[in-house]
Amino acid sequence: MYTEQVAAFFNELAPDWDTSHTHDTKIIENILDYADIRRNMSVLDVGCGTGILFPFYLDRNVRAVTGVDLSSGMIDRAKEKFQDPRVRLIVGDAEKLQLGTFDRCVVYSALPHFENAVRLISKLAQALNQDGRLTVAHSESREKIDQRHRGSAHNVSVGLMPASELASLISPYFQVDTVIDNDEMYVISGVKY
């Protein structure tokens, strides 16, 4: 695929993304509880888009948020929305960047747009502090995500694997303590060994 196609796809959608996509606030709060996002933490948001989760992180008084996305259009939109000095935005491929180290990493509504989940997980493990936590999540069911991606996004996404399968891929790097794959959400979360 891939990274160029993904970037171009989301660049085209960026101007209308916030009005055309909604996210359930209660489910997002639950996801961030599983992610253990707390005061004074540094958070890496991979595939951050226009910054959907940023207000939730900032409300939890994190020390810093670094958002990374392939799409310059999405990052430009996020820059328009967030002037908070705690927010740092980067256009680039999270698998190739030197990101620093963080307390938490969240991949929200983005995993199907990464061609190789194992490669991504390995890179994110390197970007987390000891006892750092990785959370991969969607605020919808796997079936809904896959159905949506069979439409216009079929060239820039892979199927969302069952949560138990992703948990197995994460387990060499993280002690997985949350695996949810139901009608409301998809969440896999674990602490770095």
N, C-alpha and C. Protein backbone atom coordinates (compact mmCIF):
# COMPACT_ATOMS: atom_id res chain seq x y z
N MET A 1 0.90 -1.13 0.00
CA MET A 1 0.00 0.00 0.00
C MET A 1 0.94 1.17 0.00
N TYR A 2 1.74 2.07 0.42
CA TYR A 2 0.87 2.20 1.50
C TYR A 2 0.91 3.55 2.14
N THR A 3 1.99 3.89 2.75
CA THR A 3 1.95 5.14 3.53
C THR A 3 1.55 6.34 2.68
N GLU A 4 2.01 6.39 1.43
CA GLU A 4 1.64 7.51 0.56
C GLU A 4 0.14 7.49 0.26
N GLN A 5 -0.39 6.29 0.01
CA GLN A 5 -1.83 6.18 -0.26
C GLN A 5 -2.65 6.56 0.96
N VAL A 6 -2.21 6.10 2.13
CA VAL A 6 -2.93 6.42 3.37
C VAL A 6 -2.92 7.93 3.60
N ALA A 7 -1.75 8.54 3.45
CA ALA A 7 -1.64 9.99 3.65
C ALA A 7 -2.55 10.74 2.68
N ALA A 8 -2.54 10.36 1.41
CA ALA A 8 -3.37 11.04 0.41
C ALA A 8 -4.85 10.86 0.71
N PHE A 9 -5.25 9.67 1.13
CA PHE A 9 -6.65 9.39 1.46
C PHE A 9 -7.13 10.31 2.58
N PHE A 10 -6.33 10.41 3.65
CA PHE A 10 -6.75 11.21 4.80
C PHE A 10 -6.55 12.71 4.56
N ASN A 11 -5.60 13.09 3.72
CA ASN A 11 -5.48 14.50 3.35
C ASN A 11 -6.76 14.99 2.69
N GLU A 12 -7.33 14.16 1.85
CA GLU A 12 -8.57 14.53 1.16
C GLU A 12 -9.73 14.68 2.14
N LEU A 13 -9.76 13.84 3.16
CA LEU A 13 -10.86 13.87 4.13
C LEU A 13 -10.70 14.89 5.25
N ALA A 14 -9.49 15.37 5.45
CA ALA A 14 -9.17 16.21 6.61
C ALA A 14 -10.08 17.43 6.79
N PRO A 15 -10.39 18.21 5.74
CA PRO A 15 -11.17 19.43 5.97
C PRO A 15 -12.55 19.17 6.61
N ASP A 16 -13.16 18.04 6.32
CA ASP A 16 -14.50 17.76 6.83
C ASP A 16 -14.52 16.66 7.90
N TRP A 17 -13.35 16.21 8.32
CA TRP A 17 -13.28 15.06 9.22
C TRP A 17 -14.09 15.27 10.51
N ASP A 18 -13.93 16.40 11.15
CA ASP A 18 -14.57 16.63 12.44
C ASP A 18 -16.09 16.71 12.34
N THR A 19 -16.61 17.14 11.22
CA THR A 19 -18.06 17.22 11.07
C THR A 19 -18.66 15.93 10.55
N SER A 20 -17.85 15.11 9.89
CA SER A 20 -18.39 13.88 9.30
C SER A 20 -18.18 12.64 10.17
N HIS A 21 -17.41 12.76 11.25
CA HIS A 21 -17.14 11.62 12.13
C HIS A 21 -17.45 12.00 13.58
N THR A 22 -18.25 11.18 14.22
CA THR A 22 -18.59 11.41 15.63
C THR A 22 -18.03 10.28 16.48
N HIS A 23 -17.79 10.59 17.74
CA HIS A 23 -17.23 9.63 18.68
C HIS A 23 -18.00 9.75 19.98
N ASP A 24 -18.36 8.62 20.55
CA ASP A 24 -19.13 8.58 21.79
C ASP A 24 -18.22 8.97 22.97
N THR A 25 -18.54 10.09 23.60
CA THR A 25 -17.73 10.63 24.69
C THR A 25 -17.58 9.65 25.84
N LYS A 26 -18.65 8.98 26.20
CA LYS A 26 -18.59 8.03 27.32
C LYS A 26 -17.65 6.86 27.00
N ILE A 27 -17.71 6.37 25.78
CA ILE A 27 -16.83 5.26 25.40
C ILE A 27 -15.38 5.74 25.36
N ILE A 28 -15.14 6.94 24.86
CA ILE A 28 -13.77 7.47 24.85
C ILE A 28 -13.24 7.58 26.28
N GLU A 29 -14.05 8.08 27.20
CA GLU A 29 -13.61 8.17 28.60
C GLU A 29 -13.28 6.78 29.14
N ASN A 30 -14.09 5.78 28.81
CA ASN A 30 -13.81 4.41 29.25
C ASN A 30 -12.48 3.92 28.67
N ILE A 31 -12.27 4.18 27.39
CA ILE A 31 -11.02 3.77 26.75
C ILE A 31 -9.83 4.42 27.45
N LEU A 32 -9.93 5.70 27.76
CA LEU A 32 -8.81 6.39 28.41
C LEU A 32 -8.63 5.93 29.86
N ASP A 33 -9.70 5.44 30.48
CA ASP A 33 -9.54 4.80 31.79
C ASP A 33 -8.73 3.50 31.65
N TYR A 34 -9.07 2.68 30.64
CA TYR A 34 -8.29 1.46 30.40
C TYR A 34 -6.85 1.80 30.06
N ALA A 35 -6.65 2.91 29.35
CA ALA A 35 -5.30 3.35 28.98
C ALA A 35 -4.56 3.96 30.18
N ASP A 36 -5.26 4.19 31.26
CA ASP A 36 -4.68 4.74 32.49
C ASP A 36 -4.02 6.09 32.24
N ILE A 37 -4.74 6.96 31.52
CA ILE A 37 -4.25 8.31 31.24
C ILE A 37 -4.53 9.17 32.47
N ARG A 38 -3.44 9.68 33.06
CA ARG A 38 -3.56 10.44 34.30
C ARG A 38 -2.72 11.72 34.26
N ARG A 39 -2.92 12.54 35.28
CA ARG A 39 -2.21 13.81 35.47
C ARG A 39 -0.70 13.61 35.35
N ASN A 40 -0.06 14.58 34.70
CA ASN A 40 1.40 14.67 34.59
C ASN A 40 2.05 13.59 33.74
N MET A 41 1.27 12.85 32.97
CA MET A 41 1.85 11.83 32.10
C MET A 41 2.14 12.42 30.73
N SER A 42 3.08 11.80 30.04
CA SER A 42 3.33 12.12 28.64
C SER A 42 2.65 11.05 27.80
N VAL A 43 1.94 11.50 26.75
CA VAL A 43 1.15 10.59 25.92
C VAL A 43 1.57 10.73 24.47
N LEU A 44 1.76 9.59 23.83
CA LEU A 44 1.99 9.52 22.39
C LEU A 44 0.69 9.02 21.75
N ASP A 45 0.13 9.82 20.87
CA ASP A 45 -1.10 9.45 20.15
C ASP A 45 -0.72 9.17 18.70
N VAL A 46 -0.75 7.90 18.32
CA VAL A 46 -0.33 7.46 16.99
C VAL A 46 -1.54 7.37 16.07
N GLY A 47 -1.44 8.03 14.93
CA GLY A 47 -2.60 8.13 14.03
C GLY A 47 -3.61 9.09 14.63
N CYS A 48 -3.12 10.21 15.14
CA CYS A 48 -3.94 11.12 15.93
C CYS A 48 -5.01 11.85 15.13
N GLY A 49 -4.88 11.87 13.79
CA GLY A 49 -5.86 12.58 12.99
C GLY A 49 -5.92 14.05 13.36
N THR A 50 -7.14 14.55 13.52
CA THR A 50 -7.33 15.97 13.85
C THR A 50 -7.28 16.23 15.35
N GLY A 51 -6.91 15.22 16.11
CA GLY A 51 -6.79 15.40 17.56
C GLY A 51 -8.07 15.07 18.32
N ILE A 52 -8.80 14.09 17.87
CA ILE A 52 -10.07 13.71 18.52
C ILE A 52 -9.89 13.51 20.03
N LEU A 53 -8.81 12.86 20.43
CA LEU A 53 -8.62 12.56 21.86
C LEU A 53 -7.94 13.67 22.65
N PHE A 54 -7.39 14.67 21.99
CA PHE A 54 -6.63 15.69 22.69
C PHE A 54 -7.41 16.39 23.80
N PRO A 55 -8.66 16.81 23.59
CA PRO A 55 -9.39 17.46 24.68
C PRO A 55 -9.53 16.56 25.92
N PHE A 56 -9.67 15.27 25.68
CA PHE A 56 -9.81 14.32 26.79
C PHE A 56 -8.50 14.19 27.54
N TYR A 57 -7.39 14.12 26.82
CA TYR A 57 -6.08 14.08 27.49
C TYR A 57 -5.86 15.35 28.31
N LEU A 58 -6.13 16.49 27.69
CA LEU A 58 -5.89 17.78 28.36
C LEU A 58 -6.79 17.94 29.58
N ASP A 59 -8.02 17.46 29.49
CA ASP A 59 -8.92 17.49 30.66
C ASP A 59 -8.38 16.65 31.81
N ARG A 60 -7.57 15.65 31.48
CA ARG A 60 -6.97 14.79 32.51
C ARG A 60 -5.63 15.36 32.98
N ASN A 61 -5.31 16.56 32.53
CA ASN A 61 -4.11 17.28 32.96
C ASN A 61 -2.80 16.53 32.68
N VAL A 62 -2.71 15.94 31.50
CA VAL A 62 -1.44 15.33 31.13
C VAL A 62 -0.37 16.40 31.01
N ARG A 63 0.88 15.99 31.15
CA ARG A 63 2.00 16.92 31.03
C ARG A 63 2.25 17.29 29.57
N ALA A 64 2.12 16.30 28.68
CA ALA A 64 2.41 16.53 27.26
C ALA A 64 1.71 15.49 26.41
N VAL A 65 1.31 15.92 25.21
CA VAL A 65 0.72 15.03 24.21
C VAL A 65 1.50 15.23 22.92
N THR A 66 1.99 14.14 22.36
CA THR A 66 2.61 14.17 21.04
C THR A 66 1.71 13.40 20.09
N GLY A 67 1.21 14.09 19.09
CA GLY A 67 0.36 13.46 18.09
C GLY A 67 1.14 13.25 16.81
N VAL A 68 1.06 12.03 16.27
CA VAL A 68 1.76 11.69 15.04
C VAL A 68 0.73 11.18 14.04
N ASP A 69 0.83 11.67 12.81
CA ASP A 69 -0.07 11.19 11.75
C ASP A 69 0.65 11.31 10.40
N LEU A 70 0.35 10.38 9.51
CA LEU A 70 0.90 10.42 8.15
C LEU A 70 0.35 11.59 7.35
N SER A 71 -0.85 12.01 7.67
CA SER A 71 -1.56 13.01 6.89
C SER A 71 -1.23 14.43 7.34
N SER A 72 -0.60 15.19 6.46
CA SER A 72 -0.32 16.59 6.78
C SER A 72 -1.63 17.38 6.90
N GLY A 73 -2.64 16.98 6.15
CA GLY A 73 -3.94 17.65 6.26
C GLY A 73 -4.56 17.48 7.63
N MET A 74 -4.48 16.27 8.17
CA MET A 74 -5.01 16.02 9.52
C MET A 74 -4.23 16.80 10.56
N ILE A 75 -2.90 16.80 10.44
CA ILE A 75 -2.07 17.54 11.39
C ILE A 75 -2.33 19.04 11.28
N ASP A 76 -2.48 19.55 10.07
CA ASP A 76 -2.79 20.98 9.90
C ASP A 76 -4.10 21.33 10.60
N ARG A 77 -5.08 20.47 10.46
CA ARG A 77 -6.39 20.70 11.11
C ARG A 77 -6.22 20.68 12.63
N ALA A 78 -5.44 19.72 13.14
CA ALA A 78 -5.19 19.65 14.59
C ALA A 78 -4.48 20.91 15.09
N LYS A 79 -3.54 21.42 14.29
CA LYS A 79 -2.82 22.65 14.69
C LYS A 79 -3.77 23.84 14.79
N GLU A 80 -4.76 23.88 13.92
CA GLU A 80 -5.76 24.95 13.98
C GLU A 80 -6.57 24.86 15.26
N LYS A 81 -6.85 23.66 15.72
CA LYS A 81 -7.72 23.44 16.87
C LYS A 81 -7.01 23.56 18.21
N PHE A 82 -5.72 23.22 18.25
CA PHE A 82 -5.03 23.11 19.54
C PHE A 82 -3.81 24.01 19.59
N GLN A 83 -3.91 25.05 20.40
CA GLN A 83 -2.80 25.98 20.61
C GLN A 83 -2.13 25.72 21.96
N ASP A 84 -2.60 24.74 22.69
CA ASP A 84 -2.08 24.42 24.02
C ASP A 84 -0.59 24.05 23.92
N PRO A 85 0.27 24.64 24.74
CA PRO A 85 1.70 24.35 24.66
C PRO A 85 2.05 22.90 25.02
N ARG A 86 1.11 22.18 25.61
CA ARG A 86 1.37 20.77 25.93
C ARG A 86 1.24 19.86 24.71
N VAL A 87 0.70 20.39 23.61
CA VAL A 87 0.45 19.59 22.41
C VAL A 87 1.56 19.80 21.39
N ARG A 88 2.16 18.71 20.97
CA ARG A 88 3.18 18.71 19.91
C ARG A 88 2.67 17.82 18.78
N LEU A 89 2.75 18.29 17.55
CA LEU A 89 2.21 17.57 16.41
C LEU A 89 3.29 17.29 15.38
N ILE A 90 3.29 16.06 14.87
CA ILE A 90 4.32 15.63 13.93
C ILE A 90 3.67 14.94 12.75
N VAL A 91 4.03 15.35 11.54
CA VAL A 91 3.63 14.64 10.33
C VAL A 91 4.70 13.59 10.06
N GLY A 92 4.31 12.34 10.00
CA GLY A 92 5.29 11.30 9.71
C GLY A 92 4.78 9.92 10.01
N ASP A 93 5.61 8.95 9.70
CA ASP A 93 5.33 7.54 9.89
C ASP A 93 5.85 7.13 11.26
N ALA A 94 4.95 6.78 12.16
CA ALA A 94 5.32 6.42 13.53
C ALA A 94 6.30 5.25 13.57
N GLU A 95 6.29 4.41 12.54
CA GLU A 95 7.20 3.27 12.51
C GLU A 95 8.64 3.69 12.19
N LYS A 96 8.82 4.89 11.67
CA LYS A 96 10.15 5.32 11.23
C LYS A 96 10.73 6.48 12.02
N LEU A 97 9.92 7.18 12.77
CA LEU A 97 10.38 8.36 13.51
C LEU A 97 11.09 7.99 14.80
N GLN A 98 12.01 8.85 15.22
CA GLN A 98 12.57 8.75 16.56
C GLN A 98 11.67 9.61 17.43
N LEU A 99 10.89 8.99 18.27
CA LEU A 99 9.81 9.69 18.96
C LEU A 99 10.14 10.14 20.37
N GLY A 100 11.19 9.64 20.96
CA GLY A 100 11.43 9.91 22.37
C GLY A 100 10.79 8.81 23.20
N THR A 101 10.57 9.08 24.48
CA THR A 101 9.91 8.09 25.33
C THR A 101 8.72 8.73 26.04
N PHE A 102 7.73 7.89 26.31
CA PHE A 102 6.44 8.35 26.83
C PHE A 102 5.95 7.41 27.92
N ASP A 103 5.02 7.94 28.71
CA ASP A 103 4.39 7.11 29.75
C ASP A 103 3.27 6.25 29.17
N ARG A 104 2.57 6.80 28.19
CA ARG A 104 1.43 6.11 27.58
C ARG A 104 1.45 6.30 26.08
N CYS A 105 0.95 5.28 25.38
CA CYS A 105 0.77 5.38 23.94
C CYS A 105 -0.62 4.87 23.60
N VAL A 106 -1.34 5.64 22.81
CA VAL A 106 -2.69 5.27 22.39
C VAL A 106 -2.74 5.26 20.86
N VAL A 107 -3.26 4.18 20.32
CA VAL A 107 -3.53 4.06 18.89
C VAL A 107 -5.05 3.94 18.79
N TYR A 108 -5.71 5.08 18.54
CA TYR A 108 -7.17 5.13 18.54
C TYR A 108 -7.69 5.23 17.11
N SER A 109 -8.52 4.29 16.74
CA SER A 109 -9.16 4.27 15.42
C SER A 109 -8.16 4.38 14.28
N ALA A 110 -7.00 3.74 14.44
CA ALA A 110 -5.96 3.86 13.42
C ALA A 110 -5.29 2.55 13.04
N LEU A 111 -5.37 1.52 13.86
CA LEU A 111 -4.62 0.30 13.60
C LEU A 111 -4.85 -0.29 12.20
N PRO A 112 -6.08 -0.31 11.68
CA PRO A 112 -6.27 -0.91 10.36
C PRO A 112 -5.52 -0.21 9.23
N HIS A 113 -4.99 0.98 9.50
CA HIS A 113 -4.27 1.73 8.47
C HIS A 113 -2.76 1.50 8.54
N PHE A 114 -2.34 0.59 9.41
CA PHE A 114 -0.95 0.17 9.48
C PHE A 114 -0.84 -1.21 8.85
N GLU A 115 0.04 -1.33 7.90
CA GLU A 115 0.17 -2.56 7.12
C GLU A 115 0.69 -3.72 7.96
N ASN A 116 1.56 -3.44 8.93
CA ASN A 116 2.20 -4.49 9.70
C ASN A 116 2.10 -4.18 11.19
N ALA A 117 1.14 -4.80 11.85
CA ALA A 117 0.89 -4.52 13.27
C ALA A 117 2.08 -4.89 14.15
N VAL A 118 2.77 -5.98 13.84
CA VAL A 118 3.90 -6.40 14.65
C VAL A 118 5.01 -5.36 14.61
N ARG A 119 5.30 -4.85 13.43
CA ARG A 119 6.34 -3.83 13.28
C ARG A 119 5.98 -2.57 14.07
N LEU A 120 4.71 -2.17 14.00
CA LEU A 120 4.26 -1.00 14.75
C LEU A 120 4.39 -1.24 16.25
N ILE A 121 3.93 -2.37 16.73
CA ILE A 121 3.98 -2.67 18.16
C ILE A 121 5.42 -2.66 18.67
N SER A 122 6.32 -3.25 17.91
CA SER A 122 7.72 -3.27 18.29
C SER A 122 8.27 -1.86 18.43
N LYS A 123 7.96 -1.00 17.48
CA LYS A 123 8.42 0.40 17.52
C LYS A 123 7.82 1.13 18.73
N LEU A 124 6.54 0.91 18.99
CA LEU A 124 5.89 1.60 20.10
C LEU A 124 6.41 1.11 21.45
N ALA A 125 6.79 -0.15 21.52
CA ALA A 125 7.39 -0.66 22.76
C ALA A 125 8.68 0.10 23.06
N GLN A 126 9.45 0.42 22.02
CA GLN A 126 10.69 1.19 22.19
C GLN A 126 10.41 2.62 22.64
N ALA A 127 9.24 3.15 22.29
CA ALA A 127 8.91 4.55 22.61
C ALA A 127 8.25 4.71 23.97
N LEU A 128 8.13 3.62 24.71
CA LEU A 128 7.50 3.71 26.03
C LEU A 128 8.52 3.52 27.14
N ASN A 129 8.34 4.29 28.21
CA ASN A 129 9.15 4.13 29.40
C ASN A 129 8.90 2.76 30.01
N GLN A 130 9.81 2.35 30.90
CA GLN A 130 9.55 1.13 31.66
C GLN A 130 8.22 1.30 32.38
N ASP A 131 7.38 0.30 32.37
CA ASP A 131 6.02 0.35 32.92
C ASP A 131 5.10 1.26 32.12
N GLY A 132 5.51 1.66 30.92
CA GLY A 132 4.62 2.41 30.05
C GLY A 132 3.50 1.51 29.55
N ARG A 133 2.42 2.12 29.13
CA ARG A 133 1.24 1.35 28.70
C ARG A 133 0.88 1.68 27.26
N LEU A 134 0.64 0.62 26.48
CA LEU A 134 0.13 0.75 25.12
C LEU A 134 -1.34 0.36 25.12
N THR A 135 -2.15 1.19 24.46
CA THR A 135 -3.58 0.90 24.30
C THR A 135 -3.95 1.07 22.84
N VAL A 136 -4.54 0.03 22.26
CA VAL A 136 -5.07 0.08 20.90
C VAL A 136 -6.58 -0.01 21.04
N ALA A 137 -7.31 0.95 20.46
CA ALA A 137 -8.75 1.00 20.72
C ALA A 137 -9.54 1.59 19.56
N HIS A 138 -10.79 1.21 19.53
CA HIS A 138 -11.82 1.79 18.66
C HIS A 138 -13.08 1.96 19.51
N SER A 139 -13.83 3.01 19.24
CA SER A 139 -15.07 3.25 20.00
C SER A 139 -16.28 2.67 19.28
N GLU A 140 -16.03 1.62 18.51
CA GLU A 140 -17.09 0.86 17.85
C GLU A 140 -16.66 -0.59 17.82
N SER A 141 -17.56 -1.44 17.40
CA SER A 141 -17.23 -2.86 17.31
C SER A 141 -16.30 -3.13 16.13
N ARG A 142 -15.61 -4.25 16.21
CA ARG A 142 -14.73 -4.67 15.12
C ARG A 142 -15.53 -4.84 13.83
N GLU A 143 -16.73 -5.38 13.94
CA GLU A 143 -17.56 -5.60 12.76
C GLU A 143 -17.91 -4.28 12.07
N LYS A 144 -18.26 -3.26 12.85
CA LYS A 144 -18.58 -1.95 12.26
C LYS A 144 -17.35 -1.33 11.59
N ILE A 145 -16.21 -1.45 12.24
CA ILE A 145 -14.97 -0.90 11.68
C ILE A 145 -14.66 -1.60 10.35
N ASP A 146 -14.71 -2.92 10.37
CA ASP A 146 -14.41 -3.66 9.13
C ASP A 146 -15.41 -3.34 8.02
N GLN A 147 -16.68 -3.21 8.38
CA GLN A 147 -17.70 -2.88 7.38
C GLN A 147 -17.40 -1.51 6.75
N ARG A 148 -17.06 -0.53 7.55
CA ARG A 148 -16.75 0.80 7.04
C ARG A 148 -15.53 0.76 6.13
N HIS A 149 -14.53 -0.01 6.53
CA HIS A 149 -13.29 -0.06 5.77
C HIS A 149 -13.42 -0.85 4.47
N ARG A 150 -14.46 -1.63 4.33
CA ARG A 150 -14.70 -2.31 3.05
C ARG A 150 -15.21 -1.34 2.00
N GLY A 151 -15.62 -0.15 2.41
CA GLY A 151 -16.11 0.87 1.48
C GLY A 151 -14.96 1.63 0.87
N SER A 152 -15.01 2.95 0.98
CA SER A 152 -14.03 3.81 0.30
C SER A 152 -12.61 3.65 0.84
N ALA A 153 -12.47 3.11 2.04
CA ALA A 153 -11.14 2.96 2.64
C ALA A 153 -10.50 1.60 2.37
N HIS A 154 -11.09 0.80 1.51
CA HIS A 154 -10.59 -0.57 1.33
C HIS A 154 -9.15 -0.63 0.82
N ASN A 155 -8.70 0.39 0.08
CA ASN A 155 -7.32 0.39 -0.42
C ASN A 155 -6.30 0.87 0.60
N VAL A 156 -6.77 1.43 1.71
CA VAL A 156 -5.86 2.00 2.70
C VAL A 156 -6.09 1.42 4.09
N SER A 157 -6.62 0.21 4.13
CA SER A 157 -6.82 -0.43 5.43
C SER A 157 -6.76 -1.94 5.29
N VAL A 158 -6.40 -2.56 6.37
CA VAL A 158 -6.42 -4.01 6.48
C VAL A 158 -7.50 -4.34 7.50
N GLY A 159 -7.96 -5.56 7.51
CA GLY A 159 -8.99 -5.94 8.47
C GLY A 159 -8.51 -5.78 9.90
N LEU A 160 -9.43 -5.49 10.78
CA LEU A 160 -9.12 -5.38 12.20
C LEU A 160 -9.18 -6.78 12.80
N MET A 161 -8.05 -7.28 13.23
CA MET A 161 -7.99 -8.65 13.75
C MET A 161 -8.76 -8.77 15.06
N PRO A 162 -9.22 -9.98 15.40
CA PRO A 162 -9.87 -10.17 16.70
C PRO A 162 -8.94 -9.68 17.82
N ALA A 163 -9.54 -9.15 18.85
CA ALA A 163 -8.76 -8.58 19.96
C ALA A 163 -7.83 -9.61 20.58
N SER A 164 -8.27 -10.84 20.68
CA SER A 164 -7.43 -11.89 21.26
C SER A 164 -6.18 -12.12 20.42
N GLU A 165 -6.31 -12.01 19.10
CA GLU A 165 -5.15 -12.16 18.21
C GLU A 165 -4.17 -11.00 18.39
N LEU A 166 -4.69 -9.78 18.48
CA LEU A 166 -3.82 -8.63 18.71
C LEU A 166 -3.15 -8.73 20.08
N ALA A 167 -3.88 -9.20 21.08
CA ALA A 167 -3.29 -9.38 22.41
C ALA A 167 -2.10 -10.33 22.35
N SER A 168 -2.21 -11.38 21.54
CA SER A 168 -1.08 -12.32 21.37
C SER A 168 0.12 -11.65 20.73
N LEU A 169 -0.13 -10.76 19.76
CA LEU A 169 0.97 -10.06 19.10
C LEU A 169 1.64 -9.06 20.04
N ILE A 170 0.87 -8.48 20.94
CA ILE A 170 1.39 -7.50 21.88
C ILE A 170 2.12 -8.16 23.05
N SER A 171 1.72 -9.37 23.40
CA SER A 171 2.21 -10.01 24.63
C SER A 171 3.72 -10.23 24.72
N PRO A 172 4.49 -10.34 23.62
CA PRO A 172 5.94 -10.42 23.81
C PRO A 172 6.55 -9.13 24.38
N TYR A 173 5.86 -8.02 24.25
CA TYR A 173 6.37 -6.72 24.70
C TYR A 173 5.64 -6.17 25.92
N PHE A 174 4.39 -6.58 26.09
CA PHE A 174 3.52 -5.99 27.11
C PHE A 174 2.75 -7.07 27.87
N GLN A 175 2.56 -6.81 29.17
CA GLN A 175 1.68 -7.65 29.99
C GLN A 175 0.25 -7.16 29.73
N VAL A 176 -0.47 -7.88 28.89
CA VAL A 176 -1.81 -7.47 28.49
C VAL A 176 -2.78 -7.74 29.63
N ASP A 177 -3.52 -6.69 30.03
CA ASP A 177 -4.49 -6.84 31.11
C ASP A 177 -5.91 -6.45 30.70
N THR A 178 -6.08 -5.98 29.47
CA THR A 178 -7.40 -5.60 28.99
C THR A 178 -7.58 -6.08 27.56
N VAL A 179 -8.61 -6.90 27.34
CA VAL A 179 -8.96 -7.37 26.01
C VAL A 179 -10.48 -7.30 25.90
N ILE A 180 -10.96 -6.33 25.13
CA ILE A 180 -12.40 -6.12 24.96
C ILE A 180 -12.70 -6.10 23.46
N ASP A 181 -13.64 -6.89 23.05
CA ASP A 181 -14.04 -6.97 21.64
C ASP A 181 -15.54 -7.22 21.64
N ASN A 182 -16.34 -6.14 21.84
CA ASN A 182 -17.78 -6.30 21.95
C ASN A 182 -18.52 -5.34 21.02
N ASP A 183 -19.81 -5.20 21.21
CA ASP A 183 -20.61 -4.35 20.33
C ASP A 183 -20.35 -2.86 20.50
N GLU A 184 -19.72 -2.47 21.61
CA GLU A 184 -19.46 -1.05 21.89
C GLU A 184 -18.06 -0.59 21.56
N MET A 185 -17.08 -1.46 21.82
CA MET A 185 -15.70 -1.03 21.68
C MET A 185 -14.76 -2.20 21.47
N TYR A 186 -13.56 -1.81 21.09
CA TYR A 186 -12.46 -2.74 20.85
C TYR A 186 -11.26 -2.15 21.58
N VAL A 187 -10.77 -2.83 22.61
CA VAL A 187 -9.67 -2.29 23.41
C VAL A 187 -8.70 -3.40 23.79
N ILE A 188 -7.44 -3.19 23.51
CA ILE A 188 -6.38 -4.06 23.99
C ILE A 188 -5.37 -3.13 24.67
N SER A 189 -5.00 -3.46 25.90
CA SER A 189 -4.10 -2.59 26.64
C SER A 189 -3.18 -3.43 27.50
N GLY A 190 -1.93 -2.99 27.62
CA GLY A 190 -0.99 -3.69 28.44
C GLY A 190 0.18 -2.82 28.84
N VAL A 191 0.89 -3.27 29.88
CA VAL A 191 2.03 -2.55 30.45
C VAL A 191 3.31 -3.19 29.95
N LYS A 192 4.27 -2.35 29.58
CA LYS A 192 5.56 -2.82 29.07
C LYS A 192 6.29 -3.63 30.13
N TYR A 193 6.88 -4.74 29.70
CA TYR A 193 7.68 -5.57 30.60
C TYR A 193 8.91 -4.83 31.04
